[in-house]
N, C-alpha and C. Protein backbone atom coordinates (compact mmCIF):
# COMPACT_ATOMS: atom_id res chain seq x y z
N MET A 1 -26.15 21.75 -4.63
CA MET A 1 -24.94 22.01 -3.86
C MET A 1 -24.72 23.50 -3.66
N LEU A 2 -24.96 24.30 -4.69
CA LEU A 2 -24.79 25.73 -4.55
C LEU A 2 -25.69 26.29 -3.47
N ARG A 3 -26.88 25.83 -3.38
CA ARG A 3 -27.83 26.30 -2.38
C ARG A 3 -27.31 26.04 -0.96
N THR A 4 -26.71 24.91 -0.74
CA THR A 4 -26.13 24.57 0.56
C THR A 4 -25.00 25.52 0.92
N LEU A 5 -24.16 25.82 -0.04
CA LEU A 5 -23.05 26.73 0.22
C LEU A 5 -23.52 28.13 0.56
N THR A 6 -24.59 28.61 -0.04
CA THR A 6 -25.08 29.96 0.26
C THR A 6 -25.83 29.99 1.58
N SER A 7 -26.37 28.89 2.04
CA SER A 7 -27.09 28.90 3.30
C SER A 7 -26.13 28.90 4.49
N VAL A 8 -24.95 28.37 4.33
CA VAL A 8 -23.99 28.33 5.45
C VAL A 8 -23.55 29.72 5.87
N PRO A 9 -23.12 30.59 4.95
CA PRO A 9 -22.74 31.95 5.36
C PRO A 9 -23.90 32.69 6.02
N SER A 10 -25.13 32.43 5.56
CA SER A 10 -26.29 33.07 6.15
C SER A 10 -26.40 32.70 7.63
N CYS A 11 -26.21 31.44 7.95
CA CYS A 11 -26.29 31.00 9.34
C CYS A 11 -25.13 31.56 10.16
N ILE A 12 -23.97 31.63 9.58
CA ILE A 12 -22.82 32.21 10.27
C ILE A 12 -23.07 33.68 10.57
N GLU A 13 -23.63 34.37 9.59
CA GLU A 13 -23.96 35.79 9.78
C GLU A 13 -25.01 35.95 10.87
N HIS A 14 -25.98 35.06 10.89
CA HIS A 14 -27.02 35.11 11.92
C HIS A 14 -26.40 34.93 13.31
N GLU A 15 -25.53 33.96 13.43
CA GLU A 15 -24.85 33.73 14.70
C GLU A 15 -24.03 34.95 15.13
N ARG A 16 -23.35 35.58 14.17
CA ARG A 16 -22.55 36.76 14.47
C ARG A 16 -23.44 37.90 14.98
N LEU A 17 -24.57 38.09 14.33
CA LEU A 17 -25.48 39.16 14.73
C LEU A 17 -26.12 38.87 16.09
N GLU A 18 -26.45 37.61 16.36
CA GLU A 18 -26.97 37.25 17.68
C GLU A 18 -25.92 37.49 18.76
N PHE A 19 -24.67 37.14 18.46
CA PHE A 19 -23.59 37.35 19.41
C PHE A 19 -23.39 38.84 19.68
N GLU A 20 -23.46 39.64 18.63
CA GLU A 20 -23.30 41.09 18.77
C GLU A 20 -24.39 41.66 19.68
N LEU A 21 -25.63 41.25 19.47
CA LEU A 21 -26.74 41.72 20.30
C LEU A 21 -26.55 41.29 21.75
N SER A 22 -26.17 40.04 21.94
CA SER A 22 -25.94 39.53 23.28
C SER A 22 -24.81 40.29 23.98
N GLU A 23 -23.75 40.57 23.24
CA GLU A 23 -22.62 41.29 23.80
C GLU A 23 -23.01 42.71 24.23
N VAL A 24 -23.79 43.40 23.41
CA VAL A 24 -24.25 44.75 23.76
C VAL A 24 -25.08 44.70 25.04
N ARG A 25 -25.96 43.72 25.12
CA ARG A 25 -26.82 43.61 26.30
C ARG A 25 -26.01 43.28 27.56
N MET A 26 -25.06 42.36 27.44
CA MET A 26 -24.24 41.99 28.60
C MET A 26 -23.39 43.16 29.09
N ARG A 27 -22.78 43.88 28.16
CA ARG A 27 -21.96 45.04 28.55
C ARG A 27 -22.78 46.06 29.31
N GLY A 28 -23.97 46.31 28.83
CA GLY A 28 -24.85 47.26 29.51
C GLY A 28 -25.23 46.77 30.90
N GLN A 29 -25.52 45.49 31.01
CA GLN A 29 -25.88 44.93 32.31
C GLN A 29 -24.71 45.01 33.29
N TYR A 30 -23.51 44.70 32.82
CA TYR A 30 -22.34 44.79 33.69
C TYR A 30 -22.10 46.22 34.13
N LEU A 31 -22.24 47.16 33.22
CA LEU A 31 -22.04 48.57 33.57
C LEU A 31 -23.04 49.03 34.62
N THR A 32 -24.30 48.64 34.45
CA THR A 32 -25.31 49.08 35.41
C THR A 32 -25.13 48.42 36.77
N ARG A 33 -24.48 47.28 36.81
CA ARG A 33 -24.18 46.66 38.11
C ARG A 33 -23.05 47.39 38.82
N LEU A 34 -22.14 47.95 38.03
CA LEU A 34 -20.99 48.66 38.61
C LEU A 34 -21.36 50.05 39.10
N ARG A 35 -22.20 50.72 38.34
CA ARG A 35 -22.55 52.10 38.69
C ARG A 35 -23.79 52.52 37.91
N SER A 36 -24.34 53.66 38.31
CA SER A 36 -25.47 54.22 37.57
C SER A 36 -24.97 54.84 36.27
N LEU A 37 -25.72 54.63 35.21
CA LEU A 37 -25.35 55.22 33.94
C LEU A 37 -25.93 56.63 33.83
N SER A 38 -25.16 57.51 33.23
CA SER A 38 -25.68 58.86 32.97
C SER A 38 -26.73 58.75 31.87
N SER A 39 -27.52 59.78 31.70
CA SER A 39 -28.54 59.74 30.65
C SER A 39 -27.90 59.62 29.27
N TYR A 40 -26.74 60.22 29.07
CA TYR A 40 -26.02 60.11 27.80
C TYR A 40 -25.57 58.66 27.57
N GLU A 41 -25.00 58.03 28.60
CA GLU A 41 -24.54 56.64 28.49
C GLU A 41 -25.72 55.69 28.24
N ARG A 42 -26.80 55.94 28.94
CA ARG A 42 -28.00 55.10 28.79
C ARG A 42 -28.55 55.21 27.36
N ALA A 43 -28.60 56.45 26.84
CA ALA A 43 -29.09 56.67 25.48
C ALA A 43 -28.17 55.99 24.46
N ALA A 44 -26.87 56.07 24.67
CA ALA A 44 -25.91 55.44 23.75
C ALA A 44 -26.07 53.92 23.78
N TRP A 45 -26.24 53.35 24.98
CA TRP A 45 -26.45 51.91 25.10
C TRP A 45 -27.76 51.50 24.41
N ASP A 46 -28.82 52.28 24.62
CA ASP A 46 -30.10 51.98 23.97
C ASP A 46 -29.97 52.01 22.45
N ARG A 47 -29.22 52.98 21.92
CA ARG A 47 -29.01 53.07 20.47
C ARG A 47 -28.25 51.85 19.96
N ARG A 48 -27.18 51.46 20.67
CA ARG A 48 -26.40 50.29 20.24
C ARG A 48 -27.25 49.02 20.27
N GLU A 49 -28.06 48.87 21.31
CA GLU A 49 -28.91 47.69 21.42
C GLU A 49 -29.97 47.69 20.32
N SER A 50 -30.58 48.82 20.05
CA SER A 50 -31.59 48.92 19.00
C SER A 50 -30.98 48.62 17.63
N LYS A 51 -29.79 49.14 17.39
CA LYS A 51 -29.11 48.91 16.11
C LYS A 51 -28.80 47.42 15.93
N ALA A 52 -28.26 46.79 16.97
CA ALA A 52 -27.92 45.37 16.89
C ALA A 52 -29.17 44.52 16.66
N LEU A 53 -30.25 44.85 17.35
CA LEU A 53 -31.50 44.11 17.18
C LEU A 53 -32.06 44.32 15.77
N ALA A 54 -32.03 45.55 15.27
CA ALA A 54 -32.53 45.84 13.93
C ALA A 54 -31.73 45.08 12.87
N GLU A 55 -30.42 45.01 13.04
CA GLU A 55 -29.59 44.27 12.08
C GLU A 55 -29.95 42.79 12.07
N LEU A 56 -30.19 42.23 13.25
CA LEU A 56 -30.56 40.82 13.35
C LEU A 56 -31.93 40.57 12.69
N VAL A 57 -32.90 41.43 12.99
CA VAL A 57 -34.24 41.28 12.41
C VAL A 57 -34.18 41.45 10.89
N ASP A 58 -33.43 42.44 10.41
CA ASP A 58 -33.29 42.64 8.96
C ASP A 58 -32.69 41.40 8.30
N HIS A 59 -31.70 40.83 8.94
CA HIS A 59 -31.07 39.63 8.38
C HIS A 59 -32.08 38.49 8.32
N GLU A 60 -32.85 38.30 9.38
CA GLU A 60 -33.85 37.23 9.41
C GLU A 60 -34.89 37.43 8.31
N LEU A 61 -35.33 38.67 8.12
CA LEU A 61 -36.33 38.94 7.09
C LEU A 61 -35.78 38.77 5.68
N GLU A 62 -34.55 39.20 5.49
CA GLU A 62 -33.93 39.14 4.16
C GLU A 62 -33.59 37.71 3.75
N HIS A 63 -33.09 36.92 4.70
CA HIS A 63 -32.59 35.58 4.37
C HIS A 63 -33.49 34.45 4.86
N GLY A 64 -34.48 34.79 5.66
CA GLY A 64 -35.34 33.73 6.20
C GLY A 64 -34.60 32.84 7.16
N CYS A 65 -33.55 33.38 7.77
CA CYS A 65 -32.69 32.61 8.66
C CYS A 65 -33.10 32.83 10.11
N ASN A 66 -33.25 31.77 10.87
CA ASN A 66 -33.56 31.86 12.29
C ASN A 66 -32.51 31.21 13.15
N GLY A 67 -31.32 31.11 12.65
CA GLY A 67 -30.24 30.53 13.43
C GLY A 67 -29.96 29.19 13.00
């Protein structure tokens, strides 16, 4: 029973991290549809996307969770 309880938060965390990555990507796509991004804005978006992806990958490696 304890094992089941610890696996649930892992899956919730995975979903949260996937949502975060998706949200970063969507925001960037919407912005680029509205206007051209400056090099500073593009770099900031790339950093946020890389960070979100790294957090998701780290979580998958640490917990063996794939959603």
